[in-house]
Protein backbone atom coordinates (compact mmCIF):
# COMPACT_ATOMS: atom_id res chain seq x y z
CA UNK A 1 -14.34 -10.35 8.67
CA UNK A 2 -10.87 -11.07 8.69
CA UNK A 3 -9.15 -9.48 12.08
CA UNK A 4 -5.99 -8.78 10.58
CA UNK A 5 -7.96 -6.29 8.17
CA UNK A 6 -10.46 -4.75 10.74
CA UNK A 7 -13.49 -2.59 9.04
CA UNK A 8 -12.64 0.96 9.04
CA UNK A 9 -16.13 2.16 7.64
CA UNK A 10 -19.52 2.36 9.19
CA UNK A 11 -21.77 -0.33 8.19
CA UNK A 12 -24.49 2.02 7.85
CA UNK A 13 -23.38 5.09 5.90
CA UNK A 14 -20.11 3.54 4.90
CA UNK A 15 -18.14 6.76 5.78
CA UNK A 16 -14.80 5.69 7.04
CA UNK A 17 -13.96 5.96 10.96
CA UNK A 18 -12.27 8.89 12.17
CA UNK A 19 -8.66 7.87 13.38
CA UNK A 20 -8.84 8.20 16.96
CA UNK A 21 -7.59 5.32 19.75
CA UNK A 22 -7.65 1.73 19.32
CA UNK A 23 -8.46 -0.67 21.88
CA UNK A 24 -7.57 -4.36 21.43
CA UNK A 25 -8.66 -5.33 18.09
CA UNK A 26 -11.29 -2.78 17.40
CA UNK A 27 -10.71 -0.15 14.57
CA UNK A 28 -9.69 3.45 16.13
CA UNK A 29 -12.38 5.60 17.10
CA UNK A 30 -13.35 8.56 19.20
CA UNK A 31 -16.90 7.42 20.62
CA UNK A 32 -17.26 3.79 22.12
CA UNK A 33 -19.92 2.11 23.79
CA UNK A 34 -19.66 -1.37 25.86
CA UNK A 35 -21.81 -3.03 27.80
CA UNK A 36 -19.43 -5.23 30.22
CA UNK A 37 -22.96 -7.64 31.34
CA UNK A 38 -23.77 -8.72 27.89
CA UNK A 39 -20.12 -8.81 26.19
CA UNK A 40 -21.36 -6.28 23.71
CA UNK A 41 -19.23 -3.18 21.87
CA UNK A 42 -20.37 -0.84 19.49
CA UNK A 43 -18.26 1.82 17.59
CA UNK A 44 -20.38 4.93 17.16
CA UNK A 45 -19.83 6.70 14.15
CA UNK A 46 -19.59 10.37 13.95
CA UNK A 47 -20.89 10.87 10.64
CA UNK A 48 -24.55 8.96 10.84
CA UNK A 49 -24.13 8.84 15.09
CA UNK A 50 -25.36 4.90 14.28
CA UNK A 51 -23.93 1.94 16.72
CA UNK A 52 -21.96 -0.75 14.71
CA UNK A 53 -21.88 -3.86 16.81
CA UNK A 54 -18.51 -5.54 17.18
CA UNK A 55 -18.41 -9.22 16.97
CA UNK A 56 -17.17 -10.77 20.39
CA UNK A 57 -14.66 -12.85 18.36
CA UNK A 58 -13.01 -9.61 16.77
CA UNK A 59 -12.52 -7.23 20.15
CA UNK A 60 -9.20 -8.86 20.79
CA UNK A 61 -9.22 -7.81 24.44
CA UNK A 62 -10.87 -4.48 23.72
CA UNK A 63 -13.71 -5.10 27.12
CA UNK A 64 -10.76 -5.26 29.46
CA UNK A 65 -9.29 -2.50 28.29
CA UNK A 66 -12.45 -0.57 27.85
CA UNK A 67 -13.35 -1.27 31.27
CA UNK A 68 -9.65 -0.52 32.97
CA UNK A 69 -9.28 2.89 31.48
CA UNK A 70 -13.28 4.02 32.08
CA UNK A 71 -12.56 3.12 35.89
CA UNK A 72 -9.13 4.51 36.08
CA UNK A 73 -9.28 7.46 33.77
CA UNK A 74 -12.74 7.99 33.01
CA UNK A 75 -14.59 11.62 33.72
CA UNK A 76 -18.29 10.59 34.11
CA UNK A 77 -20.24 13.46 32.44
CA UNK A 78 -23.85 12.24 32.22
CA UNK A 79 -26.16 9.63 33.34
CA UNK A 80 -29.15 8.12 32.74
CA UNK A 81 -30.65 5.14 34.45
CA UNK A 82 -28.78 2.93 32.09
CA UNK A 83 -26.30 5.08 30.04
CA UNK A 84 -22.90 6.43 31.83
CA UNK A 85 -21.19 8.90 29.13
CA UNK A 86 -17.62 9.22 30.33
CA UNK A 87 -14.67 11.43 29.28
CA UNK A 88 -11.12 10.00 28.65
CA UNK A 89 -8.96 12.78 26.95
CA UNK A 90 -10.72 13.30 23.61
CA UNK A 91 -12.49 10.01 23.56
CA UNK A 92 -16.10 9.79 24.67
CA UNK A 93 -16.86 6.21 26.12
CA UNK A 94 -20.21 5.48 26.76
CA UNK A 95 -20.95 2.41 29.44
CA UNK A 96 -24.01 0.65 29.49
CA UNK A 97 -25.37 -0.17 32.94
CA UNK A 98 -25.44 1.32 36.19
CA UNK A 99 -22.25 3.22 37.87
CA UNK A 100 -22.63 3.70 41.64
CA UNK A 101 -22.61 7.11 43.06
CA UNK A 102 -19.58 6.94 44.62
CA UNK A 103 -17.85 5.63 41.20
CA UNK A 104 -19.60 8.66 39.06
CA UNK A 105 -18.44 11.39 41.65
CA UNK A 106 -14.95 10.07 42.42
CA UNK A 107 -14.55 9.48 38.46
CA UNK A 108 -15.69 13.14 37.55
CA UNK A 109 -14.43 15.52 40.41
CA UNK A 110 -12.29 13.35 42.68
CA UNK A 111 -9.46 13.66 40.54
CA UNK A 112 -9.54 16.89 39.93
CA UNK A 113 -9.90 18.44 43.59
CA UNK A 114 -6.64 15.91 44.04
CA UNK A 115 -4.55 17.28 41.26
CA UNK A 116 -5.10 20.89 43.01
CA UNK A 117 -4.08 19.39 46.27
CA UNK A 118 -0.59 18.35 44.21
CA UNK A 119 0.01 21.19 42.52
CA UNK A 120 -0.73 24.05 45.32
CA UNK A 121 1.40 21.90 47.54
CA UNK A 122 4.42 21.63 44.57
CA UNK A 123 7.58 23.92 45.11
CA UNK A 124 6.85 25.68 41.89
CA UNK A 125 3.50 27.07 43.36
CA UNK A 126 5.04 28.73 46.15
CA UNK A 127 8.12 29.95 44.08
CA UNK A 128 5.84 31.92 41.92
CA UNK A 129 3.27 32.68 45.13
CA UNK A 130 6.85 34.59 46.50
CA UNK A 131 7.94 35.73 43.28
CA UNK A 132 4.56 37.54 42.38
CA UNK A 133 4.37 38.81 45.82
CA UNK A 134 7.95 40.68 45.94
CA UNK A 135 6.52 42.30 42.38
CA UNK A 136 3.16 42.90 43.94
CA UNK A 137 5.26 44.71 46.88
CA UNK A 138 7.47 46.52 44.94
CA UNK A 139 4.55 48.31 42.87
CA UNK A 140 2.66 48.87 46.14
CA UNK A 141 5.84 51.00 47.24
CA UNK A 142 5.57 53.14 43.82
CA UNK A 143 1.98 53.45 44.38
CA UNK A 144 1.06 51.42 41.48
CA UNK A 145 -0.27 48.60 43.06
CA UNK A 146 -3.56 46.91 43.27
CA UNK A 147 -5.42 47.89 46.55
CA UNK A 148 -7.25 44.79 46.46
CA UNK A 149 -4.07 42.70 47.10
CA UNK A 150 -2.51 43.12 50.20
CA UNK A 151 0.71 41.08 50.41
CA UNK A 152 1.75 39.42 53.61
CA UNK A 153 4.63 37.40 53.88
CA UNK A 154 3.69 35.01 56.47
CA UNK A 155 2.40 31.48 56.80
CA UNK A 156 -0.75 31.15 54.05
CA UNK A 157 0.60 33.97 51.82
CA UNK A 158 1.06 30.98 49.18
CA UNK A 159 -2.89 30.26 49.56
CA UNK A 160 -4.06 34.26 49.21
CA UNK A 161 -1.37 35.16 46.05
CA UNK A 162 -2.43 32.20 44.49
CA UNK A 163 -6.37 32.66 44.74
CA UNK A 164 -5.91 36.38 43.81
CA UNK A 165 -3.96 35.54 40.66
CA UNK A 166 -6.71 32.92 39.58
CA UNK A 167 -9.94 34.40 40.46
CA UNK A 168 -9.08 38.53 41.05
CA UNK A 169 -11.44 39.92 44.05
CA UNK A 170 -14.77 39.67 42.76
CA UNK A 171 -16.90 36.61 42.37
CA UNK A 172 -20.37 39.15 41.44
CA UNK A 173 -20.79 42.37 39.77
CA UNK A 174 -24.09 43.60 39.68
CA UNK A 175 -26.75 46.25 41.20
CA UNK A 176 -28.83 44.66 44.32
CA UNK A 177 -30.50 47.18 47.22
CA UNK A 178 -30.50 45.90 50.66
CA UNK A 179 -34.03 45.98 52.00
CA UNK A 180 -32.71 47.31 55.55
CA UNK A 181 -30.68 50.64 54.85
CA UNK A 182 -31.19 50.89 50.75
CA UNK A 183 -27.41 50.72 49.99
CA UNK A 184 -26.33 49.03 47.04
CA UNK A 185 -24.14 45.89 46.44
CA UNK A 186 -22.13 45.90 43.49
CA UNK A 187 -19.53 43.44 43.86
CA UNK A 188 -19.35 40.17 45.81
CA UNK A 189 -15.85 40.18 47.25
CA UNK A 190 -14.14 36.81 47.36
CA UNK A 191 -12.24 37.58 50.80
CA UNK A 192 -16.17 38.37 52.30
CA UNK A 193 -17.22 35.07 50.81
CA UNK A 194 -17.02 33.22 54.00
CA UNK A 195 -20.01 34.81 54.88
CA UNK A 196 -22.12 33.95 52.33
CA UNK A 197 -24.29 31.38 52.77
CA UNK A 198 -26.54 28.93 50.41
CA UNK A 199 -30.18 29.02 51.34
CA UNK A 200 -33.37 27.93 49.39
CA UNK A 201 -36.03 30.58 47.94
CA UNK A 202 -39.94 30.79 48.70
CA UNK A 203 -40.37 28.21 45.52
CA UNK A 204 -37.85 25.79 46.86
CA UNK A 205 -35.05 26.82 44.23
CA UNK A 206 -31.44 27.26 45.42
CA UNK A 207 -30.25 30.93 46.36
CA UNK A 208 -27.28 32.65 47.89
CA UNK A 209 -27.54 35.07 50.73
CA UNK A 210 -24.79 37.73 50.82
CA UNK A 211 -24.92 39.88 53.98
CA UNK A 212 -25.06 43.61 53.78
CA UNK A 213 -21.41 44.71 54.93
CA UNK A 214 -23.11 47.86 56.22
CA UNK A 215 -25.89 46.47 58.35
CA UNK A 216 -24.94 45.00 61.94
CA UNK A 217 -25.88 42.52 63.40
CA UNK A 218 -26.93 40.55 60.36
CA UNK A 219 -30.26 39.36 60.36
CA UNK A 220 -32.22 37.75 57.33
CA UNK A 221 -33.73 41.26 56.58
CA UNK A 222 -30.37 42.53 56.24
CA UNK A 223 -29.09 40.46 53.25
CA UNK A 224 -28.46 40.66 49.68
CA UNK A 225 -30.14 37.44 47.52
CA UNK A 226 -28.87 36.40 44.64
CA UNK A 227 -31.23 33.56 43.10
CA UNK A 228 -31.44 30.87 40.15
CA UNK A 229 -28.63 30.61 37.63
CA UNK A 230 -26.95 33.39 39.07
CA UNK A 231 -26.59 32.05 42.50
CA UNK A 232 -25.51 28.66 41.31
CA UNK A 233 -22.64 30.64 39.22
CA UNK A 234 -21.52 32.73 42.07
CA UNK A 235 -21.71 29.64 44.51
CA UNK A 236 -19.35 27.45 42.18
CA UNK A 237 -16.87 30.29 41.90
CA UNK A 238 -17.06 30.93 45.75
CA UNK A 239 -16.37 27.62 46.49
CA UNK A 240 -13.45 27.01 43.96
CA UNK A 241 -11.73 29.95 45.56
CA UNK A 242 -12.54 28.77 49.03
CA UNK A 243 -11.30 25.33 47.95
CA UNK A 244 -8.06 26.54 45.68
CA UNK A 245 -6.09 23.99 48.04
CA UNK A 246 -7.43 20.94 46.47
CA UNK A 247 -7.77 17.90 48.89
CA UNK A 248 -6.47 14.79 49.58
CA UNK A 249 -7.51 11.53 49.28
CA UNK A 250 -8.89 10.90 52.78
CA UNK A 251 -10.64 14.17 52.60
CA UNK A 252 -11.86 13.03 49.40
CA UNK A 253 -13.61 10.00 50.32
CA UNK A 254 -15.27 11.89 53.57
CA UNK A 255 -16.83 14.47 50.98
CA UNK A 256 -17.94 11.57 48.45
CA UNK A 257 -19.14 9.64 51.29
CA UNK A 258 -21.28 12.80 52.58
CA UNK A 259 -22.84 13.03 49.13
CA UNK A 260 -23.19 9.30 49.00
CA UNK A 261 -25.24 9.25 52.23
CA UNK A 262 -27.99 11.75 51.16
CA UNK A 263 -28.70 9.73 48.25
CA UNK A 264 -27.81 12.06 45.26
CA UNK A 265 -25.88 15.10 44.69
CA UNK A 266 -29.38 16.84 44.51
CA UNK A 267 -30.59 15.81 47.64
CA UNK A 268 -27.30 16.81 49.65
CA UNK A 269 -27.13 20.10 48.06
CA UNK A 270 -30.83 20.82 48.94
CA UNK A 271 -29.73 19.84 52.31
CA UNK A 272 -27.30 22.10 52.80
CA UNK A 273 -29.44 24.97 51.33
CA UNK A 274 -32.36 23.93 53.97
CA UNK A 275 -29.67 24.15 56.81
CA UNK A 276 -28.15 27.93 55.45
CA UNK A 277 -24.90 28.06 56.95
CA UNK A 278 -22.46 30.57 56.59
CA UNK A 279 -19.71 28.57 54.55
CA UNK A 280 -16.66 28.97 56.87
CA UNK A 281 -19.09 27.27 59.27
CA UNK A 282 -18.97 24.05 56.90
CA UNK A 283 -16.50 21.57 57.58
CA UNK A 284 -13.78 21.18 54.97
CA UNK A 285 -15.04 18.00 54.00
CA UNK A 286 -18.63 18.83 53.80
CA UNK A 287 -17.23 22.20 51.71
CA UNK A 288 -15.54 20.20 49.36
CA UNK A 289 -18.36 17.97 48.78
CA UNK A 290 -21.00 20.81 48.08
CA UNK A 291 -18.54 21.82 45.53
CA UNK A 292 -18.70 18.44 44.10
CA UNK A 293 -22.40 18.35 44.44
CA UNK A 294 -23.44 21.54 42.68
CA UNK A 295 -20.62 21.26 39.87
CA UNK A 296 -22.49 17.58 39.27
CA UNK A 297 -25.95 19.37 39.38
CA UNK A 298 -25.35 21.87 36.96
CA UNK A 299 -23.09 19.71 34.46
CA UNK A 300 -25.65 17.15 34.93
CA UNK A 301 -28.50 19.28 33.70
CA UNK A 302 -26.28 20.63 30.69
CA UNK A 303 -25.39 17.19 29.34
CA UNK A 304 -28.71 15.62 30.10
CA UNK A 305 -30.08 16.16 26.68
CA UNK A 306 -27.17 14.15 25.20
CA UNK A 307 -27.44 11.59 27.28
CA UNK A 308 -31.25 10.81 26.89
CA UNK A 309 -30.42 10.67 23.02
CA UNK A 310 -27.89 8.18 23.99
CA UNK A 311 -30.47 6.10 25.71
CA UNK A 312 -32.75 5.86 22.80
CA UNK A 313 -30.03 5.02 20.37
CA UNK A 314 -28.86 2.13 22.64
CA UNK A 315 -32.21 0.74 23.27
CA UNK A 316 -32.46 0.92 19.54
CA UNK A 317 -29.53 -1.16 18.99
CA UNK A 318 -29.62 -3.25 21.93
CA UNK A 319 -32.90 -4.66 20.31
CA UNK A 320 -30.99 -5.07 17.09
CA UNK A 321 -28.36 -6.95 19.13
CA UNK A 322 -30.52 -9.19 21.01
CA UNK A 323 -32.04 -10.29 17.63
CA UNK A 324 -28.78 -11.31 15.80
CA UNK A 325 -28.35 -13.14 19.25
CA UNK A 326 -31.42 -15.21 18.80
CA UNK A 327 -30.63 -15.61 14.99
CA UNK A 328 -26.79 -16.61 15.63
CA UNK A 329 -27.86 -19.55 17.85
CA UNK A 330 -24.65 -21.74 18.60
CA UNK A 331 -27.24 -24.56 19.27
CA UNK A 332 -28.34 -24.92 15.68
CA UNK A 333 -31.13 -22.41 14.58
CA UNK A 334 -32.03 -19.68 16.21
CA UNK A 335 -34.95 -19.50 18.76
CA UNK A 336 -36.95 -17.79 16.20
CA UNK A 337 -36.40 -20.18 13.56
CA UNK A 338 -37.05 -23.13 15.56
CA UNK A 339 -40.22 -21.63 17.04
CA UNK A 340 -41.33 -21.26 13.51
CA UNK A 341 -40.08 -24.93 12.63
CA UNK A 342 -42.03 -26.54 15.67
CA UNK A 343 -44.87 -24.44 14.75
CA UNK A 344 -45.07 -25.96 11.06
CA UNK A 345 -44.39 -29.69 12.35
CA UNK A 346 -47.62 -29.16 14.76
CA UNK A 347 -49.98 -27.69 11.74
CA UNK A 348 -48.69 -30.54 9.57
CA UNK A 349 -49.67 -33.41 12.30
CA UNK A 350 -53.16 -31.91 12.81
CA UNK A 351 -53.37 -32.04 9.23
């Protein structure tokens, strides 16, 4: 191959690669797999999904660029024992080799939550909140306001207005009957969500307890229970509502460390659910950690099938690359051919 004229077609289906990002001497592509440990790069064909192994001498610094971009900008979507699937803009990078839990959590969720913090502290956010609050106050004075939004021009007003604009007033709509007083829950309000608590149901799955607003004092018999995927969905919305201000780098480090100490996002989520605390009782780093862990579990389950498929593809292509390494041994004949030659010599000597 001539590096000045890079191949732009798949070696298997012969269709041209779609125009995408370019790294080093690689052709433009939207899916790239790389193994920093073995210095291997594959261009993944968008048509047949086969992996095109790229010669090391024609990478032109692509490995360093891929490693740098995946570390600084990659968002981890899914992983298996050997494969980490990441997104960088519209490009999918498939990193072969293990990434630590700290790296995966930070790549995928750390920057998103840190961005919230920067956006919340911006001057534009405050101006927008006060302008919207003024319009809401005028509408309320003439009887056209939303009764679920009470604007108070005081400290914390920006946070409340931004929450209402983004999420509305209810995290869930449905119909649940209180086992104690018999009243029905038709909506779970965000402003009461500080009293919600994650828990485990009888089968060990995540559930969400919503105390009955008509019963006092609250006991386990006076709580509505959301279960399964519904509980996960509502809890994710509630945590995003409560953590709308985002977190600075120090808080994020504490949250990620808490998840890492548990061993996995699943273990962290289970540990919090077993303790069954009200959300208002969680420290801010632990609340951020809970949002990170829950999002990781839910999204990881959705992307697990694709990661397993990539694992199969990698194993097949890794075997092919290993055979090519043996055949193209720089010391002369490849190990396979050398073994055959030695075997033939031994047979001749015996004869």
